[in-house]
Amino acid sequence: MRRGERRRDGSDRDAEDAGDRAVVEVGVVAEKDDEPLPFRQLRDERRDRLERRRRRVGEHLRIGVDRLRRRVADDAPRRIDDCAPQPGIDRAVAAEGRPRPDGVRERVVHRLLGERAIADHGVREPDEPRQVAVVGTLDLAEDAVHPPSLIQNGSGLLSVAQISEHVWWAAPGPPDRPSLCAVVGDRWTLALDAGSSRAHTRAFLDGLPQRPAAVVYTHSHWDHVFGGVEIGGVVVAHRLTAAKLVELAARDWTDDASVNEHIRQELPAPRVVEIAPADAVFDDAIDFDLGGVTVRVEHVGGDHCDDACVALVRPDGILFLGDALCASPGGALTAERALPLFDRVLAYDADRYVEGHHPQVTSRAELEELLATARAAERGARTPGDEDSQYFVDAFAAGRDLH
C-alpha cells in the first residue's frame, strides 16, 4: 500500500500557542578587532571544532571510498557505475589539502541562530533554548543534476539523488526509514530530518556533495531523529519537538519488549540510542538563508502528530512534507485537522513534494489527485481497487470513532 504503512512510536503532545518567528542569518565570517569577546571566543572555538571535524570526516570518507572500490573490484557482476567515488567525496577529501578540482569554492560562514543570539552575541538567558554560533564550510564544484549514487550500508544500497538544483534526496526504505533531504546552498548545507539510526544517516551523508552543518526536524518520531547525532551539526526543532526529544533521551531503549519491530530491525540488541537535543527552537516558523536558496520551515500540526512541520525550498519549488499528511499512529484522520491541512499544503508555492514514506517525488498534479481522493473518502466515497482510497476511507472512519 502506497501510504498504508504508518506505524510510529511516541504519543502526541498538546499544541502550544504560536510565538515569535525565529530567523537564521548566514554570512561570511569577518575578522574584526572590535568584535565583542564572547563573539570571538565562540567563533574561535567553533573554528577549531570545524578543523577537527573536517579531518575526521575526510578520513571516514576515504575509508568509504576504498570499501566501495574493493566491493566493485571483488564482485564484477554486481558492478554499479555510481559506486565509483562521488564528486562530494572527492571534494571532502580535497578540503584537507589534495589538489582541488577546477571551480571549487571554499567559504567559511558564521551562523547565528535566533534573534536574541544576534542581539546578545551568543549570550542567553538560563531558561532559554541553547543558541550557538557555528563555523562551517561549503565546497561546490558543479551545479549539474546528478544521477542517484548508490551507497552500501548494513541494510543494502541507499539511493541518494539530486532532484533539483539545490536538493538531494534519499528515498525511504525498510524497515521504516523515511525520506531524507539536504539543501545545498552557496554558503552552507541544511539537512531536512536525520534518519532512523547512525547507519542510515551515515549512508545518506556519504551520498551528499557536502556534509550538512545543521539539521531541522519535521517532527519527533524516532525514525526521523535517531540519526541526528551522526550529522554532528546544529539541531533545529519546533518547541514541541524539542520537548519530545528530551523525553526520548530519557527513555530506556534497551528493553526489546518496549520497542516496536521496526526499531528492533533497525537497531538490533544490544542497542545504543543517542538523541541529539535541540540547539535552536522555534514556534511558528523559521527561515534559513543558505546562499542562493532559502528554506522556510513552518509548523502545521495535523493528525499524525501535533509537532508536524513542512519545509519549503525556494527557488526550487520543493515542499518537504515529512509525515504531515499521514494518519495518526493509531491510523486515524479527522476532518477537523486533515481537510484544512490539505488546503494549506496546496497553497504553498511548490510543484514537487517529498513525502516521508512515499518512494517517489510527487508532482503537484499527483498530489492534487491524491488529496481529492482523500476528500472523497472523508465523504464516504470509495474507489474499488484503489489502495489510496481504501487507506483514506479506513483512516477517516477511525477518526470518526474517536468522537
Protein backbone atom coordinates (compact mmCIF):
# COMPACT_ATOMS: atom_id res chain seq x y z
CA MET A 1 0.00 0.00 0.00
CA ARG A 2 1.35 3.38 -1.01
CA ARG A 3 0.65 5.13 2.27
CA GLY A 4 -0.70 2.33 4.42
CA GLU A 5 2.40 1.61 6.48
CA ARG A 6 2.25 4.32 9.13
CA ARG A 7 3.26 2.82 12.45
CA ARG A 8 5.00 5.28 14.73
CA ASP A 9 6.21 5.33 18.33
CA GLY A 10 5.50 8.18 20.69
CA SER A 11 2.41 9.96 21.93
CA ASP A 12 1.10 13.29 20.69
CA ARG A 13 1.52 16.42 22.74
CA ASP A 14 -0.93 19.28 23.03
CA ALA A 15 -0.03 22.20 20.74
CA GLU A 16 1.17 25.37 22.37
CA ASP A 17 0.25 28.92 21.34
CA ALA A 18 2.31 30.23 18.43
CA GLY A 19 5.14 32.52 19.45
CA ASP A 20 7.90 34.53 17.92
CA ARG A 21 9.29 33.73 14.50
CA ALA A 22 12.96 32.81 14.56
CA VAL A 23 15.40 33.71 11.83
CA VAL A 24 18.71 32.20 10.77
CA GLU A 25 21.20 34.66 9.33
CA VAL A 26 24.13 33.44 7.25
CA GLY A 27 27.22 35.33 6.13
CA VAL A 28 30.97 35.22 5.71
CA VAL A 29 32.94 35.43 8.92
CA ALA A 30 34.61 38.83 9.21
CA GLU A 31 37.78 39.42 11.16
CA LYS A 32 37.03 42.50 13.27
CA ASP A 33 39.11 43.87 16.07
CA ASP A 34 36.07 45.40 17.74
CA GLU A 35 34.10 42.16 17.97
CA PRO A 36 32.69 41.52 21.46
CA LEU A 37 34.77 39.00 23.38
CA PRO A 38 32.01 36.32 23.61
CA PHE A 39 31.59 36.53 19.84
CA ARG A 40 35.32 35.98 19.17
CA GLN A 41 35.51 33.13 21.67
CA LEU A 42 32.56 31.33 20.10
CA ARG A 43 33.96 31.85 16.62
CA ASP A 44 37.43 30.55 17.51
CA GLU A 45 36.03 27.58 19.39
CA ARG A 46 33.78 26.58 16.51
CA ARG A 47 36.59 27.05 14.01
CA ASP A 48 38.77 24.63 15.97
CA ARG A 49 35.90 22.14 16.13
CA LEU A 50 35.39 22.50 12.38
CA GLU A 51 39.01 21.72 11.63
CA ARG A 52 38.86 18.57 13.77
CA ARG A 53 35.59 17.56 12.10
CA ARG A 54 36.99 18.07 8.61
CA ARG A 55 39.93 15.79 9.37
CA ARG A 56 37.61 13.18 10.88
CA VAL A 57 35.12 13.32 8.00
CA GLY A 58 37.87 13.17 5.39
CA GLU A 59 39.30 10.03 6.95
CA HIS A 60 35.85 8.45 7.16
CA LEU A 61 35.10 9.23 3.51
CA ARG A 62 38.45 7.86 2.34
CA ILE A 63 37.67 4.61 4.13
CA GLY A 64 34.23 4.56 2.48
CA VAL A 65 35.67 5.12 -1.00
CA ASP A 66 38.23 2.35 -0.53
CA ARG A 67 35.47 -0.01 0.64
CA LEU A 68 33.33 0.77 -2.40
CA ARG A 69 36.27 0.29 -4.73
CA ARG A 70 37.07 -3.09 -3.19
CA ARG A 71 33.44 -4.19 -3.44
CA VAL A 72 33.29 -3.25 -7.13
CA ALA A 73 36.61 -4.98 -7.86
CA ASP A 74 35.74 -8.15 -5.93
CA ASP A 75 32.23 -8.51 -7.32
CA ALA A 76 32.36 -7.55 -11.00
CA PRO A 77 28.88 -8.97 -11.94
CA ARG A 78 27.28 -6.55 -9.44
CA ARG A 79 29.35 -3.54 -10.51
CA ILE A 80 27.44 -0.26 -10.46
CA ASP A 81 28.99 2.81 -12.07
CA ASP A 82 27.54 5.04 -9.37
CA CYS A 83 29.60 3.20 -6.78
CA ALA A 84 32.69 5.00 -8.09
CA PRO A 85 33.94 7.83 -5.90
CA GLN A 86 31.29 10.55 -5.87
CA PRO A 87 32.09 14.24 -6.51
CA GLY A 88 31.10 15.09 -2.94
CA ILE A 89 33.53 12.54 -1.54
CA ASP A 90 36.38 13.84 -3.71
CA ARG A 91 35.65 17.40 -2.65
CA ALA A 92 35.58 16.49 1.04
CA VAL A 93 38.98 14.83 0.73
CA ALA A 94 40.32 17.77 -1.29
CA ALA A 95 39.43 20.08 1.57
CA GLU A 96 42.27 18.51 3.52
CA GLY A 97 44.96 19.56 1.09
CA ARG A 98 44.74 17.38 -2.02
CA PRO A 99 44.66 19.20 -5.40
CA ARG A 100 41.20 20.76 -5.67
CA PRO A 101 39.10 20.41 -8.87
CA ASP A 102 38.54 23.49 -11.00
CA GLY A 103 35.71 25.66 -9.84
CA VAL A 104 35.69 24.52 -6.22
CA ARG A 105 34.82 27.31 -3.84
CA GLU A 106 35.50 27.14 -0.11
CA ARG A 107 33.78 29.67 2.06
CA VAL A 108 33.77 29.87 5.83
CA VAL A 109 30.44 31.07 7.18
CA HIS A 110 29.22 32.26 10.53
CA ARG A 111 25.66 31.49 11.59
CA LEU A 112 23.79 33.00 14.47
CA LEU A 113 20.65 31.14 15.44
CA GLY A 114 17.88 33.24 16.93
CA GLU A 115 17.32 36.97 17.19
CA ARG A 116 18.37 37.08 20.85
CA ALA A 117 21.65 35.37 20.00
CA ILE A 118 22.29 38.07 17.39
CA ALA A 119 21.48 40.84 19.85
CA ASP A 120 23.45 39.37 22.75
CA HIS A 121 26.40 37.92 20.79
CA GLY A 122 25.66 34.37 21.87
CA VAL A 123 24.73 35.16 25.49
CA ARG A 124 21.40 33.63 26.54
CA GLU A 125 19.10 33.61 29.48
CA PRO A 126 19.40 30.44 31.65
CA ASP A 127 15.84 29.36 30.86
CA GLU A 128 16.13 29.83 27.09
CA PRO A 129 16.97 27.16 24.47
CA ARG A 130 20.69 26.98 23.75
CA GLN A 131 21.64 29.39 20.95
CA VAL A 132 25.01 28.89 19.30
CA ALA A 133 27.39 30.49 16.86
CA VAL A 134 28.85 27.96 14.42
CA VAL A 135 31.52 27.90 11.74
CA GLY A 136 31.10 25.67 8.68
CA THR A 137 32.42 25.22 5.14
CA LEU A 138 30.89 24.53 1.76
CA ASP A 139 32.69 23.16 -1.30
CA LEU A 140 30.87 23.20 -4.65
CA ALA A 141 32.45 22.26 -7.96
CA GLU A 142 29.40 21.91 -10.21
CA ASP A 143 25.69 22.62 -10.24
CA ALA A 144 24.53 19.86 -12.58
CA VAL A 145 21.82 17.45 -11.53
CA HIS A 146 23.45 14.11 -10.77
CA PRO A 147 22.03 10.59 -11.18
CA PRO A 148 21.47 8.62 -7.99
CA SER A 149 24.56 7.46 -6.13
CA LEU A 150 24.20 4.05 -4.50
CA ILE A 151 25.77 3.84 -1.06
CA GLN A 152 26.40 0.46 0.56
CA ASN A 153 25.30 0.11 4.18
CA GLY A 154 24.22 -2.62 6.56
CA SER A 155 20.69 -2.81 5.15
CA GLY A 156 21.66 -2.72 1.47
CA LEU A 157 22.06 0.10 -1.04
CA LEU A 158 20.70 3.56 -0.24
CA SER A 159 19.83 5.71 -3.27
CA VAL A 160 20.77 9.39 -2.96
CA ALA A 161 19.68 11.52 -5.92
CA GLN A 162 19.86 15.23 -6.76
CA ILE A 163 16.25 16.13 -7.59
CA SER A 164 16.67 19.87 -8.20
CA GLU A 165 19.42 22.47 -8.40
CA HIS A 166 19.86 22.54 -4.62
CA VAL A 167 18.07 19.48 -3.20
CA TRP A 168 19.45 15.98 -2.69
CA TRP A 169 17.03 13.22 -1.69
CA ALA A 170 17.41 9.77 -0.13
CA ALA A 171 14.32 7.66 -0.80
CA PRO A 172 12.62 5.78 2.06
CA GLY A 173 13.32 2.13 2.65
CA PRO A 174 12.99 -0.79 5.09
CA PRO A 175 12.49 -1.36 7.88
CA ASP A 176 10.90 2.08 8.37
CA ARG A 177 13.47 4.55 7.05
CA PRO A 178 11.91 7.83 5.88
CA SER A 179 12.85 10.21 3.11
CA LEU A 180 15.78 12.48 3.90
CA CYS A 181 16.79 15.66 2.08
CA ALA A 182 19.74 18.02 2.07
CA VAL A 183 19.56 21.54 0.67
CA VAL A 184 22.95 22.74 -0.63
CA GLY A 185 23.44 26.49 -0.83
CA ASP A 186 26.35 28.69 -1.86
CA ARG A 187 27.37 29.10 1.79
CA TRP A 188 26.22 26.04 3.72
CA THR A 189 24.04 22.93 3.70
CA LEU A 190 20.92 22.08 5.71
CA ALA A 191 19.55 18.57 6.30
CA LEU A 192 15.79 18.02 6.46
CA ASP A 193 15.25 15.23 9.02
CA ALA A 194 18.04 12.99 10.24
CA GLY A 195 17.13 9.34 9.73
CA SER A 196 16.39 6.34 11.91
CA SER A 197 19.91 5.37 13.02
CA ARG A 198 23.54 6.37 12.74
CA ALA A 199 23.96 3.83 9.93
CA HIS A 200 21.02 5.23 7.98
CA THR A 201 22.26 8.79 8.33
CA ARG A 202 25.87 7.86 7.57
CA ALA A 203 24.82 6.27 4.28
CA PHE A 204 22.84 9.42 3.43
CA LEU A 205 25.79 11.70 4.24
CA ASP A 206 28.11 9.58 2.09
CA GLY A 207 25.96 10.40 -0.96
CA LEU A 208 25.97 14.19 -0.47
CA PRO A 209 28.30 16.73 -2.07
CA GLN A 210 28.72 18.48 1.30
CA ARG A 211 28.11 17.46 4.88
CA PRO A 212 25.23 19.46 6.41
CA ALA A 213 26.16 21.97 9.07
CA ALA A 214 22.68 21.78 10.62
CA VAL A 215 19.52 19.67 10.60
CA VAL A 216 15.92 20.71 11.09
CA TYR A 217 13.33 18.14 12.14
CA THR A 218 9.80 17.84 10.76
CA HIS A 219 8.66 16.09 13.95
CA SER A 220 9.93 13.97 16.82
CA HIS A 221 9.15 10.37 15.78
CA TRP A 222 12.09 8.03 16.20
CA ASP A 223 12.66 7.25 12.52
CA HIS A 224 13.26 10.95 11.78
CA VAL A 225 15.56 11.84 14.70
CA PHE A 226 17.62 8.83 15.82
CA GLY A 227 20.32 9.69 13.27
CA GLY A 228 20.71 13.30 14.38
CA VAL A 229 23.88 12.63 16.38
CA GLU A 230 25.60 11.32 13.25
CA ILE A 231 25.19 14.67 11.47
CA GLY A 232 27.04 16.35 14.30
CA GLY A 233 25.74 19.84 13.50
CA VAL A 234 23.24 22.28 14.94
CA VAL A 235 19.80 20.74 15.66
CA VAL A 236 16.79 22.98 14.98
CA ALA A 237 13.31 21.91 16.06
CA HIS A 238 9.84 23.15 16.85
CA ARG A 239 9.23 23.75 20.55
CA LEU A 240 7.00 20.67 20.86
CA THR A 241 9.60 18.55 19.05
CA ALA A 242 12.36 19.83 21.33
CA ALA A 243 10.37 18.79 24.42
CA LYS A 244 9.79 15.35 22.93
CA LEU A 245 13.50 14.92 22.22
CA VAL A 246 14.15 15.31 25.94
CA GLU A 247 11.63 12.55 26.64
CA LEU A 248 13.20 10.27 24.02
CA ALA A 249 16.65 10.80 25.53
CA ALA A 250 15.38 9.73 28.95
CA ARG A 251 13.70 6.55 27.70
CA ASP A 252 15.21 3.08 28.14
CA TRP A 253 15.59 1.68 24.64
CA THR A 254 17.39 -1.50 25.68
CA ASP A 255 14.21 -3.41 26.55
CA ASP A 256 13.05 -5.25 23.42
CA ALA A 257 9.57 -5.63 24.87
CA SER A 258 9.09 -1.85 24.94
CA VAL A 259 10.10 -1.06 21.34
CA ASN A 260 8.38 -1.91 18.08
CA GLU A 261 9.56 -4.38 15.47
CA HIS A 262 10.90 -1.67 13.15
CA ILE A 263 13.24 -0.39 15.87
CA ARG A 264 14.38 -3.93 16.63
CA GLN A 265 15.23 -4.40 12.95
CA GLU A 266 16.95 -1.03 12.56
CA LEU A 267 18.84 -1.33 15.85
CA PRO A 268 19.24 -4.96 16.95
CA ALA A 269 20.02 -5.61 20.61
CA PRO A 270 22.17 -4.65 22.34
CA ARG A 271 21.23 -1.22 21.01
CA VAL A 272 22.55 2.22 21.81
CA VAL A 273 20.23 5.16 21.14
CA GLU A 274 21.69 8.66 21.25
CA ILE A 275 19.33 11.63 20.99
CA ALA A 276 20.77 14.99 19.98
CA PRO A 277 18.94 17.78 21.85
CA ALA A 278 17.63 20.85 20.07
CA ASP A 279 20.11 23.74 19.85
CA ALA A 280 17.61 26.24 18.43
CA VAL A 281 13.83 26.21 18.97
CA PHE A 282 11.07 27.94 17.01
CA ASP A 283 7.30 28.27 17.36
CA ASP A 284 5.54 29.40 14.16
CA ALA A 285 8.26 29.28 11.53
CA ILE A 286 11.96 29.64 10.87
CA ASP A 287 13.78 30.85 7.75
CA PHE A 288 17.19 29.65 6.57
CA ASP A 289 19.26 31.56 4.00
CA LEU A 290 21.82 29.10 2.66
CA GLY A 291 23.11 31.33 -0.12
CA GLY A 292 21.23 31.23 -3.42
CA VAL A 293 18.50 29.10 -1.85
CA THR A 294 16.21 29.54 1.14
CA VAL A 295 14.30 27.10 3.30
CA ARG A 296 11.22 28.10 5.27
CA VAL A 297 10.05 25.58 7.87
CA GLU A 298 6.52 26.06 9.22
CA HIS A 299 4.61 24.29 11.96
CA VAL A 300 1.39 22.82 10.54
CA GLY A 301 0.31 20.18 13.07
CA GLY A 302 -2.21 17.57 11.96
CA ASP A 303 -3.47 14.14 12.89
CA HIS A 304 -0.11 12.41 12.64
CA CYS A 305 1.41 14.49 15.44
CA ASP A 306 0.95 17.91 16.99
CA ASP A 307 4.51 18.99 16.18
CA ALA A 308 4.41 18.25 12.42
CA CYS A 309 6.26 20.76 10.24
CA VAL A 310 6.87 21.17 6.50
CA ALA A 311 9.84 22.79 4.70
CA LEU A 312 9.55 24.89 1.53
CA VAL A 313 12.70 25.15 -0.61
CA ARG A 314 12.91 28.21 -2.86
CA PRO A 315 13.50 28.79 -5.73
CA ASP A 316 13.42 25.03 -6.32
CA GLY A 317 9.70 24.77 -5.57
CA ILE A 318 10.02 21.63 -3.43
CA LEU A 319 7.91 21.09 -0.31
CA PHE A 320 9.34 18.55 2.14
CA LEU A 321 6.29 17.16 3.93
CA GLY A 322 7.72 14.74 6.44
CA ASP A 323 4.74 12.73 7.72
CA ALA A 324 2.34 15.68 7.94
CA LEU A 325 -0.24 14.11 5.62
CA CYS A 326 -0.17 10.73 7.35
CA ALA A 327 -2.76 9.36 9.73
CA SER A 328 -2.12 9.24 13.45
CA PRO A 329 -0.02 6.40 14.92
CA GLY A 330 -3.36 4.71 15.56
CA GLY A 331 -4.37 5.04 11.90
CA ALA A 332 -6.90 7.88 12.26
CA LEU A 333 -7.60 11.03 10.25
CA THR A 334 -10.12 13.67 11.28
CA ALA A 335 -11.92 16.12 9.03
CA GLU A 336 -11.24 18.91 11.51
CA ARG A 337 -7.47 18.60 11.13
CA ALA A 338 -6.87 16.88 7.81
CA LEU A 339 -9.03 18.94 5.44
CA PRO A 340 -7.61 22.36 6.42
CA LEU A 341 -4.11 20.86 6.25
CA PHE A 342 -4.79 19.64 2.69
CA ASP A 343 -5.70 23.21 1.70
CA ARG A 344 -2.63 24.64 3.42
CA VAL A 345 -0.25 22.22 1.72
CA LEU A 346 -1.63 23.02 -1.73
CA ALA A 347 -1.37 26.75 -1.01
CA TYR A 348 2.42 26.60 -0.86
CA ASP A 349 4.30 27.78 -3.93
CA ALA A 350 5.59 24.31 -4.80
CA ASP A 351 5.32 21.97 -7.75
CA ARG A 352 7.06 18.91 -6.28
CA TYR A 353 6.60 17.22 -2.93
CA VAL A 354 8.70 14.82 -0.88
CA GLU A 355 6.65 12.67 1.49
CA GLY A 356 8.17 10.86 4.42
CA HIS A 357 7.39 7.31 3.31
CA HIS A 358 6.49 7.53 -0.38
CA PRO A 359 9.19 6.11 -2.68
CA GLN A 360 8.84 8.78 -5.36
CA VAL A 361 8.88 12.55 -5.61
CA THR A 362 5.26 13.61 -6.09
CA SER A 363 4.22 16.16 -8.72
CA ARG A 364 1.61 18.82 -7.99
CA ALA A 365 -0.91 17.08 -10.25
CA GLU A 366 -0.35 13.80 -8.41
CA LEU A 367 -0.76 15.42 -5.00
CA GLU A 368 -3.93 17.23 -6.08
CA GLU A 369 -5.34 13.90 -7.27
CA LEU A 370 -4.33 12.19 -4.02
CA LEU A 371 -5.94 14.83 -1.83
CA ALA A 372 -9.08 14.81 -3.97
CA THR A 373 -9.24 11.07 -3.29
CA ALA A 374 -8.81 11.76 0.43
CA ARG A 375 -11.64 14.34 0.43
CA ALA A 376 -13.93 11.90 -1.35
CA ALA A 377 -13.01 9.22 1.17
CA GLU A 378 -13.92 11.56 4.04
CA ARG A 379 -17.40 11.84 2.49
CA GLY A 380 -17.59 8.05 2.35
CA ALA A 381 -16.81 7.59 -1.36
CA ARG A 382 -14.64 4.58 -2.11
CA THR A 383 -12.83 3.78 -5.38
CA PRO A 384 -12.72 -0.03 -5.84
CA GLY A 385 -9.20 -1.36 -6.25
CA ASP A 386 -7.55 1.95 -5.27
CA GLU A 387 -5.28 1.39 -2.27
CA ASP A 388 -5.02 5.11 -1.51
CA SER A 389 -8.80 5.40 -1.47
CA GLN A 390 -9.11 2.44 0.89
CA TYR A 391 -6.39 3.86 3.14
CA PHE A 392 -8.21 7.19 3.50
CA VAL A 393 -11.63 5.58 3.94
CA ASP A 394 -10.30 3.47 6.79
CA ALA A 395 -8.38 6.39 8.34
CA PHE A 396 -11.36 8.78 8.35
CA ALA A 397 -13.60 6.00 9.71
CA ALA A 398 -11.13 5.53 12.56
CA GLY A 399 -11.13 9.28 13.15
CA ARG A 400 -14.94 9.37 13.44
CA ASP A 401 -14.76 6.58 16.01
CA LEU A 402 -12.67 8.86 18.24
CA HIS A 403 -15.60 11.24 18.76
